[in-house]
Amino acid sequence: MSALPGLEDLSVLRVEVAEGVATVTIDRPPVNAQNGVFRDEITRVFDVLHESEEVRAIVLTGAGKTFSAGADLRDRPDAAKRGAFPRHSRGVRAGFDCVMECGKPVIAAVNGAAIGAGCVLALVCDIILVAEDAFMSMTEVEVGLAGGVQHVLRHFGQSDARMFLYTARRLSGVELHRMRVASGCYPKAELLAVAQAMAKDIAGKAPLAVAAMKRAFTLCEYMPLHEGYRFEQTQTAALAKTEDTKEALAAFAEKRKPVFRGR
């Protein structure tokens, strides 16, 4: 495993790279709560990973028993101080947007509790895998807050989203898989290895094509069908001229494994 230049001085995140896969681990005991330092570091990490040619897929997980217990309440802005909430809210958005905007697919390996902002952090990833004894919960209504509706609606059906947010109910890994919020549910001891194997599988695909696919997911989500598909077709046309696509076609004809170079 190797470290990436520019990420040597992290204090609440750990980043390890092997075989094209970056594993990002939230490591802020005791419950991986999110504060200003966390948001600064995750933004920096995902910006670096976005531009790292040696990284083709990412796994995001938590150290210990918790994925992330959400926002650190000791880090809340002072409502009496002008400008405090807009500045805070901007930083919170950046901590989620950097994951969604990263050009590499991100797999959330939800190893334990994902609460509030921790739940949203899992929901902004491309693929969600959960441990059987993990759970997600949005507890905002219990502490007099609101938030997360838009991200929850991206993964839950309308009735389930409202049930989840109005009740602050804990949904187990098994329930999340049954509700199709998660793509897989595994024993905790197996979760990270499964996520890394899936990331390695993605890393073996044509990187330019994978990046184009992620752009399409990000940009087309709220587009009308016609415009969204038209954008996808422009991506396909551009990819047809790349060395990787020519290599893929040649390898298929020659019945061999393609060698992709990201060009």
C-alpha atoms as a PDB file:
ATOM      1  CA  MET A   1       0.000   0.000   0.000  1.00  0.00           C
ATOM      2  CA  SER A   2       1.134   3.556  -0.639  1.00  0.00           C
ATOM      3  CA  ALA A   3       0.268   7.052   0.540  1.00  0.00           C
ATOM      4  CA  LEU A   4      -0.483   9.870  -1.876  1.00  0.00           C
ATOM      5  CA  PRO A   5       1.542  13.104  -1.930  1.00  0.00           C
ATOM      6  CA  GLY A   6      -0.293  15.909  -0.173  1.00  0.00           C
ATOM      7  CA  LEU A   7      -2.155  13.610   2.224  1.00  0.00           C
ATOM      8  CA  GLU A   8       0.615  12.801   4.692  1.00  0.00           C
ATOM      9  CA  ASP A   9      -0.569  15.115   7.497  1.00  0.00           C
ATOM     10  CA  LEU A  10      -4.154  13.949   7.956  1.00  0.00           C
ATOM     11  CA  SER A  11      -5.482  13.747  11.510  1.00  0.00           C
ATOM     12  CA  VAL A  12      -9.017  12.296  11.255  1.00  0.00           C
ATOM     13  CA  LEU A  13      -8.867  10.373   7.975  1.00  0.00           C
ATOM     14  CA  ARG A  14      -6.605   7.547   6.813  1.00  0.00           C
ATOM     15  CA  VAL A  15      -5.964   6.917   3.121  1.00  0.00           C
ATOM     16  CA  GLU A  16      -4.387   3.754   1.727  1.00  0.00           C
ATOM     17  CA  VAL A  17      -3.953   2.938  -1.957  1.00  0.00           C
ATOM     18  CA  ALA A  18      -3.488  -0.522  -3.438  1.00  0.00           C
ATOM     19  CA  GLU A  19      -4.162  -1.903  -6.937  1.00  0.00           C
ATOM     20  CA  GLY A  20      -5.964   1.217  -8.099  1.00  0.00           C
ATOM     21  CA  VAL A  21      -8.249   1.355  -5.047  1.00  0.00           C
ATOM     22  CA  ALA A  22      -8.088   4.061  -2.375  1.00  0.00           C
ATOM     23  CA  THR A  23      -9.544   3.106   0.995  1.00  0.00           C
ATOM     24  CA  VAL A  24     -10.528   6.176   3.008  1.00  0.00           C
ATOM     25  CA  THR A  25     -11.181   5.459   6.689  1.00  0.00           C
ATOM     26  CA  ILE A  26     -12.806   7.949   9.046  1.00  0.00           C
ATOM     27  CA  ASP A  27     -10.812   7.675  12.263  1.00  0.00           C
ATOM     28  CA  ARG A  28     -12.019  10.207  14.829  1.00  0.00           C
ATOM     29  CA  PRO A  29     -12.779   8.332  18.061  1.00  0.00           C
ATOM     30  CA  PRO A  30     -15.023   7.613  19.714  1.00  0.00           C
ATOM     31  CA  VAL A  31     -17.803   7.801  17.083  1.00  0.00           C
ATOM     32  CA  ASN A  32     -16.273   9.437  13.973  1.00  0.00           C
ATOM     33  CA  ALA A  33     -18.286  12.627  14.453  1.00  0.00           C
ATOM     34  CA  GLN A  34     -17.899  15.304  11.791  1.00  0.00           C
ATOM     35  CA  ASN A  35     -16.408  18.685  12.694  1.00  0.00           C
ATOM     36  CA  GLY A  36     -14.592  21.456  10.846  1.00  0.00           C
ATOM     37  CA  VAL A  37     -11.334  19.507  10.736  1.00  0.00           C
ATOM     38  CA  PHE A  38     -13.145  16.498   9.288  1.00  0.00           C
ATOM     39  CA  ARG A  39     -14.828  18.608   6.613  1.00  0.00           C
ATOM     40  CA  ASP A  40     -11.550  20.290   5.640  1.00  0.00           C
ATOM     41  CA  GLU A  41      -9.775  16.942   5.393  1.00  0.00           C
ATOM     42  CA  ILE A  42     -12.447  15.036   3.483  1.00  0.00           C
ATOM     43  CA  THR A  43     -12.671  17.854   0.945  1.00  0.00           C
ATOM     44  CA  ARG A  44      -8.897  17.814   0.506  1.00  0.00           C
ATOM     45  CA  VAL A  45      -8.747  14.020   0.304  1.00  0.00           C
ATOM     46  CA  PHE A  46     -11.422  13.673  -2.358  1.00  0.00           C
ATOM     47  CA  ASP A  47     -10.023  16.558  -4.405  1.00  0.00           C
ATOM     48  CA  VAL A  48      -6.639  14.801  -4.416  1.00  0.00           C
ATOM     49  CA  LEU A  49      -8.189  11.431  -5.261  1.00  0.00           C
ATOM     50  CA  HIS A  50     -10.146  13.079  -8.074  1.00  0.00           C
ATOM     51  CA  GLU A  51      -6.872  14.071  -9.738  1.00  0.00           C
ATOM     52  CA  SER A  52      -4.815  10.954  -8.870  1.00  0.00           C
ATOM     53  CA  GLU A  53      -4.162   8.782 -11.915  1.00  0.00           C
ATOM     54  CA  GLU A  54      -3.159   5.829  -9.727  1.00  0.00           C
ATOM     55  CA  VAL A  55      -6.630   5.765  -8.137  1.00  0.00           C
ATOM     56  CA  ARG A  56      -9.567   4.437 -10.124  1.00  0.00           C
ATOM     57  CA  ALA A  57     -12.103   3.618  -7.403  1.00  0.00           C
ATOM     58  CA  ILE A  58     -12.602   4.529  -3.737  1.00  0.00           C
ATOM     59  CA  VAL A  59     -13.965   2.798  -0.632  1.00  0.00           C
ATOM     60  CA  LEU A  60     -15.172   4.997   2.242  1.00  0.00           C
ATOM     61  CA  THR A  61     -15.600   3.391   5.667  1.00  0.00           C
ATOM     62  CA  GLY A  62     -15.287   4.083   9.382  1.00  0.00           C
ATOM     63  CA  ALA A  63     -12.827   2.897  12.009  1.00  0.00           C
ATOM     64  CA  GLY A  64     -14.121   1.034  15.032  1.00  0.00           C
ATOM     65  CA  LYS A  65     -17.807   0.274  15.539  1.00  0.00           C
ATOM     66  CA  THR A  66     -19.215   3.398  13.843  1.00  0.00           C
ATOM     67  CA  PHE A  67     -19.327   4.634  10.255  1.00  0.00           C
ATOM     68  CA  SER A  68     -20.080   8.201  11.403  1.00  0.00           C
ATOM     69  CA  ALA A  69     -22.378   9.343  14.204  1.00  0.00           C
ATOM     70  CA  GLY A  70     -23.018  12.600  12.357  1.00  0.00           C
ATOM     71  CA  ALA A  71     -22.205  16.209  13.120  1.00  0.00           C
ATOM     72  CA  ASP A  72     -20.232  17.007  16.249  1.00  0.00           C
ATOM     73  CA  LEU A  73     -22.707  19.113  18.230  1.00  0.00           C
ATOM     74  CA  ARG A  74     -19.803  20.899  19.921  1.00  0.00           C
ATOM     75  CA  ASP A  75     -18.979  22.291  16.482  1.00  0.00           C
ATOM     76  CA  ARG A  76     -22.365  23.957  15.938  1.00  0.00           C
ATOM     77  CA  PRO A  77     -22.239  27.632  14.879  1.00  0.00           C
ATOM     78  CA  ASP A  78     -23.429  30.380  17.192  1.00  0.00           C
ATOM     79  CA  ALA A  79     -26.864  31.409  15.905  1.00  0.00           C
ATOM     80  CA  ALA A  80     -26.396  34.853  17.474  1.00  0.00           C
ATOM     81  CA  LYS A  81     -23.291  35.555  15.431  1.00  0.00           C
ATOM     82  CA  ARG A  82     -23.984  37.059  12.002  1.00  0.00           C
ATOM     83  CA  GLY A  83     -22.739  34.975   9.108  1.00  0.00           C
ATOM     84  CA  ALA A  84     -21.917  31.958  11.272  1.00  0.00           C
ATOM     85  CA  PHE A  85     -24.603  29.646   9.871  1.00  0.00           C
ATOM     86  CA  PRO A  86     -24.058  30.427   6.159  1.00  0.00           C
ATOM     87  CA  ARG A  87     -20.332  29.823   6.560  1.00  0.00           C
ATOM     88  CA  HIS A  88     -20.917  26.600   8.488  1.00  0.00           C
ATOM     89  CA  SER A  89     -23.542  25.365   6.017  1.00  0.00           C
ATOM     90  CA  ARG A  90     -21.211  26.032   3.081  1.00  0.00           C
ATOM     91  CA  GLY A  91     -18.538  23.865   4.678  1.00  0.00           C
ATOM     92  CA  VAL A  92     -21.021  21.076   5.374  1.00  0.00           C
ATOM     93  CA  ARG A  93     -22.156  21.058   1.747  1.00  0.00           C
ATOM     94  CA  ALA A  94     -18.542  20.963   0.551  1.00  0.00           C
ATOM     95  CA  GLY A  95     -17.916  17.887   2.706  1.00  0.00           C
ATOM     96  CA  PHE A  96     -20.654  16.047   0.821  1.00  0.00           C
ATOM     97  CA  ASP A  97     -20.227  17.624  -2.618  1.00  0.00           C
ATOM     98  CA  CYS A  98     -16.573  16.561  -2.845  1.00  0.00           C
ATOM     99  CA  VAL A  99     -17.678  12.920  -2.742  1.00  0.00           C
ATOM    100  CA  MET A 100     -20.419  13.358  -5.331  1.00  0.00           C
ATOM    101  CA  GLU A 101     -18.192  15.446  -7.609  1.00  0.00           C
ATOM    102  CA  CYS A 102     -15.147  13.175  -7.375  1.00  0.00           C
ATOM    103  CA  GLY A 103     -14.507  11.641 -10.794  1.00  0.00           C
ATOM    104  CA  LYS A 104     -13.918   8.182  -9.301  1.00  0.00           C
ATOM    105  CA  PRO A 105     -16.756   5.886  -8.151  1.00  0.00           C
ATOM    106  CA  VAL A 106     -17.071   5.812  -4.353  1.00  0.00           C
ATOM    107  CA  ILE A 107     -18.338   2.763  -2.463  1.00  0.00           C
ATOM    108  CA  ALA A 108     -19.619   3.332   1.080  1.00  0.00           C
ATOM    109  CA  ALA A 109     -18.785   0.375   3.327  1.00  0.00           C
ATOM    110  CA  VAL A 110     -21.163   1.209   6.176  1.00  0.00           C
ATOM    111  CA  ASN A 111     -19.633  -0.790   9.014  1.00  0.00           C
ATOM    112  CA  GLY A 112     -21.763   0.600  11.851  1.00  0.00           C
ATOM    113  CA  ALA A 113     -24.009   3.461  12.852  1.00  0.00           C
ATOM    114  CA  ALA A 114     -24.533   6.122  10.163  1.00  0.00           C
ATOM    115  CA  ILE A 115     -26.509   8.882  11.867  1.00  0.00           C
ATOM    116  CA  GLY A 116     -27.563  12.318  10.572  1.00  0.00           C
ATOM    117  CA  ALA A 117     -24.656  13.755   8.612  1.00  0.00           C
ATOM    118  CA  GLY A 118     -23.091  10.286   8.752  1.00  0.00           C
ATOM    119  CA  CYS A 119     -26.132   8.870   6.994  1.00  0.00           C
ATOM    120  CA  VAL A 120     -25.954  11.627   4.368  1.00  0.00           C
ATOM    121  CA  LEU A 121     -22.255  10.884   3.850  1.00  0.00           C
ATOM    122  CA  ALA A 122     -23.133   7.294   2.961  1.00  0.00           C
ATOM    123  CA  LEU A 123     -25.984   8.423   0.717  1.00  0.00           C
ATOM    124  CA  VAL A 124     -23.743  10.692  -1.404  1.00  0.00           C
ATOM    125  CA  CYS A 125     -21.570   7.709  -2.360  1.00  0.00           C
ATOM    126  CA  ASP A 126     -22.148   5.902  -5.670  1.00  0.00           C
ATOM    127  CA  ILE A 127     -22.705   2.442  -4.174  1.00  0.00           C
ATOM    128  CA  ILE A 128     -23.789   1.568  -0.643  1.00  0.00           C
ATOM    129  CA  LEU A 129     -22.833  -1.701   1.054  1.00  0.00           C
ATOM    130  CA  VAL A 130     -23.818  -2.316   4.684  1.00  0.00           C
ATOM    131  CA  ALA A 131     -22.908  -4.610   7.540  1.00  0.00           C
ATOM    132  CA  GLU A 132     -25.779  -6.688   8.882  1.00  0.00           C
ATOM    133  CA  ASP A 133     -25.599  -4.998  12.289  1.00  0.00           C
ATOM    134  CA  ALA A 134     -25.053  -1.491  10.913  1.00  0.00           C
ATOM    135  CA  PHE A 135     -27.886   1.014  10.808  1.00  0.00           C
ATOM    136  CA  MET A 136     -28.857   4.369   9.352  1.00  0.00           C
ATOM    137  CA  SER A 137     -30.852   7.007  11.192  1.00  0.00           C
ATOM    138  CA  MET A 138     -31.757  10.648  10.640  1.00  0.00           C
ATOM    139  CA  THR A 139     -32.265  12.058  14.145  1.00  0.00           C
ATOM    140  CA  GLU A 140     -32.765  15.721  13.278  1.00  0.00           C
ATOM    141  CA  VAL A 141     -36.389  15.856  14.490  1.00  0.00           C
ATOM    142  CA  GLU A 142     -35.265  14.599  17.903  1.00  0.00           C
ATOM    143  CA  VAL A 143     -32.879  17.530  18.428  1.00  0.00           C
ATOM    144  CA  GLY A 144     -34.983  20.291  16.871  1.00  0.00           C
ATOM    145  CA  LEU A 145     -33.223  20.390  13.513  1.00  0.00           C
ATOM    146  CA  ALA A 146     -34.085  19.608   9.889  1.00  0.00           C
ATOM    147  CA  GLY A 147     -32.064  18.449   6.936  1.00  0.00           C
ATOM    148  CA  GLY A 148     -31.156  15.581   4.649  1.00  0.00           C
ATOM    149  CA  VAL A 149     -34.477  15.412   2.785  1.00  0.00           C
ATOM    150  CA  GLN A 150     -32.974  15.804  -0.664  1.00  0.00           C
ATOM    151  CA  HIS A 151     -30.295  13.161  -0.130  1.00  0.00           C
ATOM    152  CA  VAL A 152     -32.737  10.703   1.453  1.00  0.00           C
ATOM    153  CA  LEU A 153     -35.162  11.095  -1.468  1.00  0.00           C
ATOM    154  CA  ARG A 154     -32.409  10.047  -3.891  1.00  0.00           C
ATOM    155  CA  HIS A 155     -32.364   6.546  -2.355  1.00  0.00           C
ATOM    156  CA  PHE A 156     -35.695   5.976  -0.586  1.00  0.00           C
ATOM    157  CA  GLY A 157     -39.212   5.755  -1.954  1.00  0.00           C
ATOM    158  CA  GLN A 158     -41.517   8.625  -1.059  1.00  0.00           C
ATOM    159  CA  SER A 159     -43.349   6.933   1.815  1.00  0.00           C
ATOM    160  CA  ASP A 160     -40.202   5.317   3.211  1.00  0.00           C
ATOM    161  CA  ALA A 161     -38.336   8.647   3.059  1.00  0.00           C
ATOM    162  CA  ARG A 162     -41.042  10.356   5.085  1.00  0.00           C
ATOM    163  CA  MET A 163     -41.244   7.496   7.595  1.00  0.00           C
ATOM    164  CA  PHE A 164     -37.461   7.556   7.979  1.00  0.00           C
ATOM    165  CA  LEU A 165     -37.231  11.317   8.525  1.00  0.00           C
ATOM    166  CA  TYR A 166     -40.415  11.917  10.559  1.00  0.00           C
ATOM    167  CA  THR A 167     -39.788   9.080  13.034  1.00  0.00           C
ATOM    168  CA  ALA A 168     -35.962   9.135  13.289  1.00  0.00           C
ATOM    169  CA  ARG A 169     -36.255   5.338  13.190  1.00  0.00           C
ATOM    170  CA  ARG A 170     -33.118   3.226  12.987  1.00  0.00           C
ATOM    171  CA  LEU A 171     -33.044   1.096   9.828  1.00  0.00           C
ATOM    172  CA  SER A 172     -30.791  -1.938  10.090  1.00  0.00           C
ATOM    173  CA  GLY A 173     -28.461  -3.150   7.367  1.00  0.00           C
ATOM    174  CA  VAL A 174     -30.899  -5.974   6.581  1.00  0.00           C
ATOM    175  CA  GLU A 175     -33.801  -3.500   6.249  1.00  0.00           C
ATOM    176  CA  LEU A 176     -31.748  -1.118   4.095  1.00  0.00           C
ATOM    177  CA  HIS A 177     -30.903  -3.971   1.731  1.00  0.00           C
ATOM    178  CA  ARG A 178     -34.528  -5.090   1.599  1.00  0.00           C
ATOM    179  CA  MET A 179     -35.581  -1.499   0.812  1.00  0.00           C
ATOM    180  CA  ARG A 180     -32.945  -1.368  -1.967  1.00  0.00           C
ATOM    181  CA  VAL A 181     -31.127   1.535  -0.346  1.00  0.00           C
ATOM    182  CA  ALA A 182     -28.046  -0.697  -0.092  1.00  0.00           C
ATOM    183  CA  SER A 183     -26.744  -2.930  -2.875  1.00  0.00           C
ATOM    184  CA  GLY A 184     -25.488  -5.590  -0.469  1.00  0.00           C
ATOM    185  CA  CYS A 185     -25.593  -6.614   3.190  1.00  0.00           C
ATOM    186  CA  TYR A 186     -22.784  -8.682   4.707  1.00  0.00           C
ATOM    187  CA  PRO A 187     -21.364  -9.838   8.035  1.00  0.00           C
ATOM    188  CA  LYS A 188     -19.266  -7.008   9.424  1.00  0.00           C
ATOM    189  CA  ALA A 189     -16.070  -9.058   9.247  1.00  0.00           C
ATOM    190  CA  GLU A 190     -16.526  -9.489   5.484  1.00  0.00           C
ATOM    191  CA  LEU A 191     -17.797  -6.013   4.540  1.00  0.00           C
ATOM    192  CA  LEU A 192     -14.544  -4.170   3.835  1.00  0.00           C
ATOM    193  CA  ALA A 193     -13.063  -7.002   1.791  1.00  0.00           C
ATOM    194  CA  VAL A 194     -16.240  -7.207  -0.310  1.00  0.00           C
ATOM    195  CA  ALA A 195     -16.217  -3.432  -0.882  1.00  0.00           C
ATOM    196  CA  GLN A 196     -12.536  -3.447  -1.835  1.00  0.00           C
ATOM    197  CA  ALA A 197     -13.054  -6.372  -4.225  1.00  0.00           C
ATOM    198  CA  MET A 198     -15.906  -4.493  -5.903  1.00  0.00           C
ATOM    199  CA  ALA A 199     -13.730  -1.372  -6.138  1.00  0.00           C
ATOM    200  CA  LYS A 200     -10.909  -3.438  -7.638  1.00  0.00           C
ATOM    201  CA  ASP A 201     -13.359  -4.792 -10.219  1.00  0.00           C
ATOM    202  CA  ILE A 202     -14.333  -1.220 -11.149  1.00  0.00           C
ATOM    203  CA  ALA A 203     -10.653  -0.205 -11.235  1.00  0.00           C
ATOM    204  CA  GLY A 204     -10.081  -2.825 -13.920  1.00  0.00           C
ATOM    205  CA  LYS A 205     -12.537  -1.209 -16.333  1.00  0.00           C
ATOM    206  CA  ALA A 206     -11.675   1.499 -18.877  1.00  0.00           C
ATOM    207  CA  PRO A 207     -11.057   4.521 -16.598  1.00  0.00           C
ATOM    208  CA  LEU A 208     -12.219   7.138 -19.086  1.00  0.00           C
ATOM    209  CA  ALA A 209     -15.456   5.235 -19.626  1.00  0.00           C
ATOM    210  CA  VAL A 210     -16.048   4.882 -15.873  1.00  0.00           C
ATOM    211  CA  ALA A 211     -15.403   8.609 -15.405  1.00  0.00           C
ATOM    212  CA  ALA A 212     -17.827   9.426 -18.216  1.00  0.00           C
ATOM    213  CA  MET A 213     -20.434   7.158 -16.616  1.00  0.00           C
ATOM    214  CA  LYS A 214     -20.083   8.963 -13.288  1.00  0.00           C
ATOM    215  CA  ARG A 215     -20.411  12.343 -15.020  1.00  0.00           C
ATOM    216  CA  ALA A 216     -23.605  11.102 -16.626  1.00  0.00           C
ATOM    217  CA  PHE A 217     -25.033   9.952 -13.284  1.00  0.00           C
ATOM    218  CA  THR A 218     -24.166  13.275 -11.657  1.00  0.00           C
ATOM    219  CA  LEU A 219     -25.387  15.556 -14.438  1.00  0.00           C
ATOM    220  CA  CYS A 220     -28.357  13.595 -15.765  1.00  0.00           C
ATOM    221  CA  GLU A 221     -30.088  12.742 -12.495  1.00  0.00           C
ATOM    222  CA  TYR A 222     -32.544  15.629 -12.712  1.00  0.00           C
ATOM    223  CA  MET A 223     -32.540  16.097 -16.483  1.00  0.00           C
ATOM    224  CA  PRO A 224     -35.525  15.107 -18.619  1.00  0.00           C
ATOM    225  CA  LEU A 225     -35.029  11.720 -20.288  1.00  0.00           C
ATOM    226  CA  HIS A 226     -34.336  13.086 -23.783  1.00  0.00           C
ATOM    227  CA  GLU A 227     -31.717  15.621 -22.712  1.00  0.00           C
ATOM    228  CA  GLY A 228     -30.037  13.191 -20.320  1.00  0.00           C
ATOM    229  CA  TYR A 229     -29.702  10.433 -22.885  1.00  0.00           C
ATOM    230  CA  ARG A 230     -28.503  12.920 -25.471  1.00  0.00           C
ATOM    231  CA  PHE A 231     -25.710  13.960 -23.097  1.00  0.00           C
ATOM    232  CA  GLU A 232     -24.750  10.313 -22.589  1.00  0.00           C
ATOM    233  CA  GLN A 233     -24.481   9.866 -26.346  1.00  0.00           C
ATOM    234  CA  THR A 234     -22.010  12.758 -26.568  1.00  0.00           C
ATOM    235  CA  GLN A 235     -19.868  10.935 -23.997  1.00  0.00           C
ATOM    236  CA  THR A 236     -19.961   7.733 -26.035  1.00  0.00           C
ATOM    237  CA  ALA A 237     -18.953   9.585 -29.183  1.00  0.00           C
ATOM    238  CA  ALA A 238     -15.999  11.207 -27.395  1.00  0.00           C
ATOM    239  CA  LEU A 239     -14.874   7.886 -25.909  1.00  0.00           C
ATOM    240  CA  ALA A 240     -14.898   6.215 -29.326  1.00  0.00           C
ATOM    241  CA  LYS A 241     -11.828   8.268 -30.260  1.00  0.00           C
ATOM    242  CA  THR A 242      -9.747   7.264 -27.229  1.00  0.00           C
ATOM    243  CA  GLU A 243      -6.905   4.741 -27.122  1.00  0.00           C
ATOM    244  CA  ASP A 244      -8.641   2.775 -24.363  1.00  0.00           C
ATOM    245  CA  THR A 245     -11.766   2.178 -26.437  1.00  0.00           C
ATOM    246  CA  LYS A 246      -9.681   1.045 -29.405  1.00  0.00           C
ATOM    247  CA  GLU A 247      -7.733  -1.248 -27.062  1.00  0.00           C
ATOM    248  CA  ALA A 248     -10.978  -2.687 -25.649  1.00  0.00           C
ATOM    249  CA  LEU A 249     -12.297  -3.490 -29.132  1.00  0.00           C
ATOM    250  CA  ALA A 250      -8.987  -5.044 -30.168  1.00  0.00           C
ATOM    251  CA  ALA A 251      -8.804  -7.130 -26.989  1.00  0.00           C
ATOM    252  CA  PHE A 252     -12.365  -8.379 -27.529  1.00  0.00           C
ATOM    253  CA  ALA A 253     -11.547  -9.443 -31.086  1.00  0.00           C
ATOM    254  CA  GLU A 254      -8.309 -11.108 -29.959  1.00  0.00           C
ATOM    255  CA  LYS A 255      -9.953 -12.799 -26.931  1.00  0.00           C
ATOM    256  CA  ARG A 256      -7.529 -11.286 -24.401  1.00  0.00           C
ATOM    257  CA  LYS A 257      -7.723  -9.009 -21.388  1.00  0.00           C
ATOM    258  CA  PRO A 258      -7.465  -5.310 -22.324  1.00  0.00           C
ATOM    259  CA  VAL A 259      -4.728  -3.087 -20.912  1.00  0.00           C
ATOM    260  CA  PHE A 260      -6.190   0.340 -20.128  1.00  0.00           C
ATOM    261  CA  ARG A 261      -3.968   3.404 -19.801  1.00  0.00           C
ATOM    262  CA  GLY A 262      -6.509   6.160 -19.259  1.00  0.00           C
ATOM    263  CA  ARG A 263      -5.889   7.702 -22.652  1.00  0.00           C
END
